[in-house]
C-alpha atoms as a PDB file:
ATOM      1  CA  SER A   1     134.338 118.709  48.726  1.00  0.00           C
ATOM      2  CA  GLU A   2     133.209 120.962  51.551  1.00  0.00           C
ATOM      3  CA  ASP A   3     130.071 121.887  49.559  1.00  0.00           C
ATOM      4  CA  ALA A   4     128.963 118.277  48.994  1.00  0.00           C
ATOM      5  CA  MET A   5     125.896 117.008  50.811  1.00  0.00           C
ATOM      6  CA  VAL A   6     124.873 113.411  51.387  1.00  0.00           C
ATOM      7  CA  LYS A   7     121.357 112.192  50.669  1.00  0.00           C
ATOM      8  CA  MET A   8     119.643 108.829  51.057  1.00  0.00           C
ATOM      9  CA  HIS A   9     117.041 107.803  48.504  1.00  0.00           C
ATOM     10  CA  PHE A  10     114.982 104.672  48.075  1.00  0.00           C
ATOM     11  CA  ILE A  11     115.112 103.701  44.397  1.00  0.00           C
ATOM     12  CA  LEU A  12     114.074 100.877  42.104  1.00  0.00           C
ATOM     13  CA  TYR A  13     116.812  99.763  39.739  1.00  0.00           C
ATOM     14  CA  LYS A  14     115.837  97.087  37.210  1.00  0.00           C
ATOM     15  CA  GLY A  15     112.990  96.151  39.530  1.00  0.00           C
ATOM     16  CA  GLU A  16     115.250  95.765  42.572  1.00  0.00           C
ATOM     17  CA  PRO A  17     114.716  98.045  45.589  1.00  0.00           C
ATOM     18  CA  LEU A  18     117.937  99.815  46.627  1.00  0.00           C
ATOM     19  CA  PHE A  19     118.941 102.282  49.321  1.00  0.00           C
ATOM     20  CA  ASP A  20     121.100 104.838  47.510  1.00  0.00           C
ATOM     21  CA  LEU A  21     123.474 106.787  49.761  1.00  0.00           C
ATOM     22  CA  ARG A  22     125.018 109.431  47.503  1.00  0.00           C
ATOM     23  CA  LYS A  23     126.912 112.708  47.606  1.00  0.00           C
ATOM     24  CA  HIS A  24     125.204 115.650  45.889  1.00  0.00           C
ATOM     25  CA  PHE A  25     126.327 119.147  44.912  1.00  0.00           C
ATOM     26  CA  LEU A  26     124.701 122.487  44.183  1.00  0.00           C
ATOM     27  CA  ALA A  27     125.016 123.092  40.436  1.00  0.00           C
ATOM     28  CA  ASP A  28     125.497 126.504  38.855  1.00  0.00           C
ATOM     29  CA  ASP A  29     121.815 126.520  37.846  1.00  0.00           C
ATOM     30  CA  GLY A  30     120.808 126.221  41.528  1.00  0.00           C
ATOM     31  CA  GLU A  31     119.700 122.575  41.302  1.00  0.00           C
ATOM     32  CA  ILE A  32     120.986 119.894  43.671  1.00  0.00           C
ATOM     33  CA  LYS A  33     122.489 117.117  41.553  1.00  0.00           C
ATOM     34  CA  PRO A  34     123.980 113.701  42.397  1.00  0.00           C
ATOM     35  CA  THR A  35     127.662 112.888  41.975  1.00  0.00           C
ATOM     36  CA  ARG A  36     129.142 109.526  41.017  1.00  0.00           C
ATOM     37  CA  LYS A  37     130.269 109.103  44.637  1.00  0.00           C
ATOM     38  CA  GLY A  38     127.718 106.854  46.251  1.00  0.00           C
ATOM     39  CA  PHE A  39     126.693 103.365  47.219  1.00  0.00           C
ATOM     40  CA  ALA A  40     123.410 101.774  46.112  1.00  0.00           C
ATOM     41  CA  MET A  41     122.843  99.113  48.780  1.00  0.00           C
ATOM     42  CA  GLN A  42     120.573  96.129  48.641  1.00  0.00           C
ATOM     43  CA  GLU A  43     118.130  95.831  51.534  1.00  0.00           C
ATOM     44  CA  ASP A  44     120.247  93.308  53.462  1.00  0.00           C
ATOM     45  CA  VAL A  45     123.278  95.624  53.322  1.00  0.00           C
ATOM     46  CA  TRP A  46     121.221  98.622  54.513  1.00  0.00           C
ATOM     47  CA  LYS A  47     119.743  96.579  57.364  1.00  0.00           C
ATOM     48  CA  ALA A  48     123.277  95.558  58.384  1.00  0.00           C
ATOM     49  CA  VAL A  49     124.375  99.224  58.396  1.00  0.00           C
ATOM     50  CA  VAL A  50     121.441 100.113  60.649  1.00  0.00           C
ATOM     51  CA  ALA A  51     122.053  97.089  62.920  1.00  0.00           C
ATOM     52  CA  ASN A  52     125.725  98.100  63.320  1.00  0.00           C
ATOM     53  CA  ALA A  53     125.163 101.840  63.752  1.00  0.00           C
ATOM     54  CA  LYS A  54     126.071 101.759  67.469  1.00  0.00           C
ATOM     55  CA  ALA A  55     129.325  99.887  66.771  1.00  0.00           C
ATOM     56  CA  ILE A  56     130.197 102.412  64.051  1.00  0.00           C
ATOM     57  CA  ASP A  57     129.368 105.313  66.400  1.00  0.00           C
ATOM     58  CA  SER A  58     131.574 103.691  69.043  1.00  0.00           C
ATOM     59  CA  SER A  59     134.492 103.453  66.586  1.00  0.00           C
ATOM     60  CA  VAL A  60     134.048 107.130  65.683  1.00  0.00           C
ATOM     61  CA  ALA A  61     134.036 108.073  69.394  1.00  0.00           C
ATOM     62  CA  LYS A  62     137.222 106.020  70.005  1.00  0.00           C
ATOM     63  CA  LEU A  63     138.916 107.748  67.089  1.00  0.00           C
ATOM     64  CA  LYS A  64     137.948 111.165  68.466  1.00  0.00           C
ATOM     65  CA  THR A  65     139.532 110.212  71.792  1.00  0.00           C
ATOM     66  CA  GLN A  66     142.702 108.921  70.080  1.00  0.00           C
ATOM     67  CA  MET A  67     142.863 112.013  67.909  1.00  0.00           C
ATOM     68  CA  GLU A  68     142.825 114.247  70.983  1.00  0.00           C
ATOM     69  CA  SER A  69     145.564 112.250  72.744  1.00  0.00           C
ATOM     70  CA  ASP A  70     147.861 111.255  69.844  1.00  0.00           C
ATOM     71  CA  ASP A  71     149.436 113.117  66.972  1.00  0.00           C
ATOM     72  CA  ALA A  72     149.220 110.164  64.577  1.00  0.00           C
ATOM     73  CA  GLU A  73     148.308 111.009  60.989  1.00  0.00           C
ATOM     74  CA  VAL A  74     146.560 107.721  60.143  1.00  0.00           C
ATOM     75  CA  ILE A  75     144.650 105.556  62.610  1.00  0.00           C
ATOM     76  CA  ARG A  76     142.310 102.779  61.496  1.00  0.00           C
ATOM     77  CA  MET A  77     139.820 100.987  63.727  1.00  0.00           C
ATOM     78  CA  PRO A  78     138.940  97.294  63.267  1.00  0.00           C
ATOM     79  CA  GLU A  79     136.639  96.656  60.332  1.00  0.00           C
ATOM     80  CA  ILE A  80     133.004  95.802  60.926  1.00  0.00           C
ATOM     81  CA  LYS A  81     131.751  93.105  58.565  1.00  0.00           C
ATOM     82  CA  LEU A  82     128.252  94.121  57.559  1.00  0.00           C
ATOM     83  CA  VAL A  83     127.202  91.398  55.133  1.00  0.00           C
ATOM     84  CA  GLU A  84     128.502  89.203  52.344  1.00  0.00           C
ATOM     85  CA  THR A  85     126.878  89.574  48.932  1.00  0.00           C
ATOM     86  CA  GLU A  86     127.800  87.254  46.069  1.00  0.00           C
ATOM     87  CA  SER A  87     130.764  86.083  48.223  1.00  0.00           C
ATOM     88  CA  ARG A  88     131.989  89.701  48.343  1.00  0.00           C
ATOM     89  CA  PRO A  89     132.026  91.146  51.867  1.00  0.00           C
ATOM     90  CA  VAL A  90     130.745  94.656  52.585  1.00  0.00           C
ATOM     91  CA  LEU A  91     132.682  96.286  55.417  1.00  0.00           C
ATOM     92  CA  ALA A  92     132.390  99.465  57.437  1.00  0.00           C
ATOM     93  CA  ARG A  93     135.717 101.039  58.375  1.00  0.00           C
ATOM     94  CA  CYS A  94     136.348 104.081  60.530  1.00  0.00           C
ATOM     95  CA  SER A  95     139.657 105.839  60.060  1.00  0.00           C
ATOM     96  CA  LEU A  96     141.524 108.988  60.925  1.00  0.00           C
ATOM     97  CA  TYR A  97     143.358 110.589  58.043  1.00  0.00           C
ATOM     98  CA  GLU A  98     145.087 113.977  58.096  1.00  0.00           C
ATOM     99  CA  GLY A  99     143.223 114.968  61.239  1.00  0.00           C
ATOM    100  CA  LYS A 100     139.753 114.072  59.948  1.00  0.00           C
ATOM    101  CA  ILE A 101     137.556 111.096  60.833  1.00  0.00           C
ATOM    102  CA  TYR A 102     135.919 109.104  58.028  1.00  0.00           C
ATOM    103  CA  VAL A 103     133.433 106.239  57.850  1.00  0.00           C
ATOM    104  CA  ASP A 104     133.825 104.098  54.737  1.00  0.00           C
ATOM    105  CA  PHE A 105     131.223 101.589  53.530  1.00  0.00           C
ATOM    106  CA  ARG A 106     132.723  99.411  50.810  1.00  0.00           C
ATOM    107  CA  GLN A 107     132.376  96.102  49.009  1.00  0.00           C
ATOM    108  CA  PHE A 108     135.569  94.032  48.772  1.00  0.00           C
ATOM    109  CA  ASP A 109     136.887  91.352  46.459  1.00  0.00           C
ATOM    110  CA  VAL A 110     138.439  88.275  48.079  1.00  0.00           C
ATOM    111  CA  GLU A 111     141.529  87.041  46.265  1.00  0.00           C
ATOM    112  CA  GLY A 112     144.138  84.348  46.697  1.00  0.00           C
ATOM    113  CA  GLU A 113     144.353  81.350  48.966  1.00  0.00           C
ATOM    114  CA  ASP A 114     144.839  83.555  52.008  1.00  0.00           C
ATOM    115  CA  GLY A 115     141.565  85.395  51.295  1.00  0.00           C
ATOM    116  CA  LYS A 116     143.151  88.832  51.108  1.00  0.00           C
ATOM    117  CA  LEU A 117     140.601  91.629  50.752  1.00  0.00           C
ATOM    118  CA  PHE A 118     140.845  94.284  48.053  1.00  0.00           C
ATOM    119  CA  PRO A 119     138.489  97.288  48.044  1.00  0.00           C
ATOM    120  CA  THR A 120     136.257  97.794  45.017  1.00  0.00           C
ATOM    121  CA  LYS A 121     134.870 101.067  43.701  1.00  0.00           C
ATOM    122  CA  LYS A 122     131.454 100.089  45.056  1.00  0.00           C
ATOM    123  CA  GLY A 123     131.188 102.099  48.246  1.00  0.00           C
ATOM    124  CA  ILE A 124     131.187 105.544  49.778  1.00  0.00           C
ATOM    125  CA  MET A 125     133.469 107.347  52.231  1.00  0.00           C
ATOM    126  CA  LEU A 126     131.749 109.841  54.514  1.00  0.00           C
ATOM    127  CA  SER A 127     133.076 112.378  56.960  1.00  0.00           C
ATOM    128  CA  HIS A 128     132.003 111.487  60.487  1.00  0.00           C
ATOM    129  CA  GLN A 129     129.669 114.521  60.404  1.00  0.00           C
ATOM    130  CA  ASP A 130     127.887 113.147  57.333  1.00  0.00           C
ATOM    131  CA  TRP A 131     127.646 109.722  58.982  1.00  0.00           C
END
């Protein structure tokens, strides 16, 4: 929602250090609380996000340019493979949907002989402003 804010926390989960990128909201009692929308990344995934930040920024900039010149509703830039964990790739994708630019970090399942990728629930989609 428009009122959601994104926060990054360093957490320990079952003894494993994780970088938790999560959307939060302002509750009725005035406290900022986490939502279920987030992505707890292992260190190698977070390092890959940081290492690819310029490429992600470049994709966002290209989408802004396309958005200003085209009237297309959905535009998707090439995916950026960040890392493969447990033979499940984690990709960054920048896309334009209904006039808004998003950056999606998501883990994928690989299925079939052709290696087709299917997105899992493990990930987070951010507006380009939150990125």
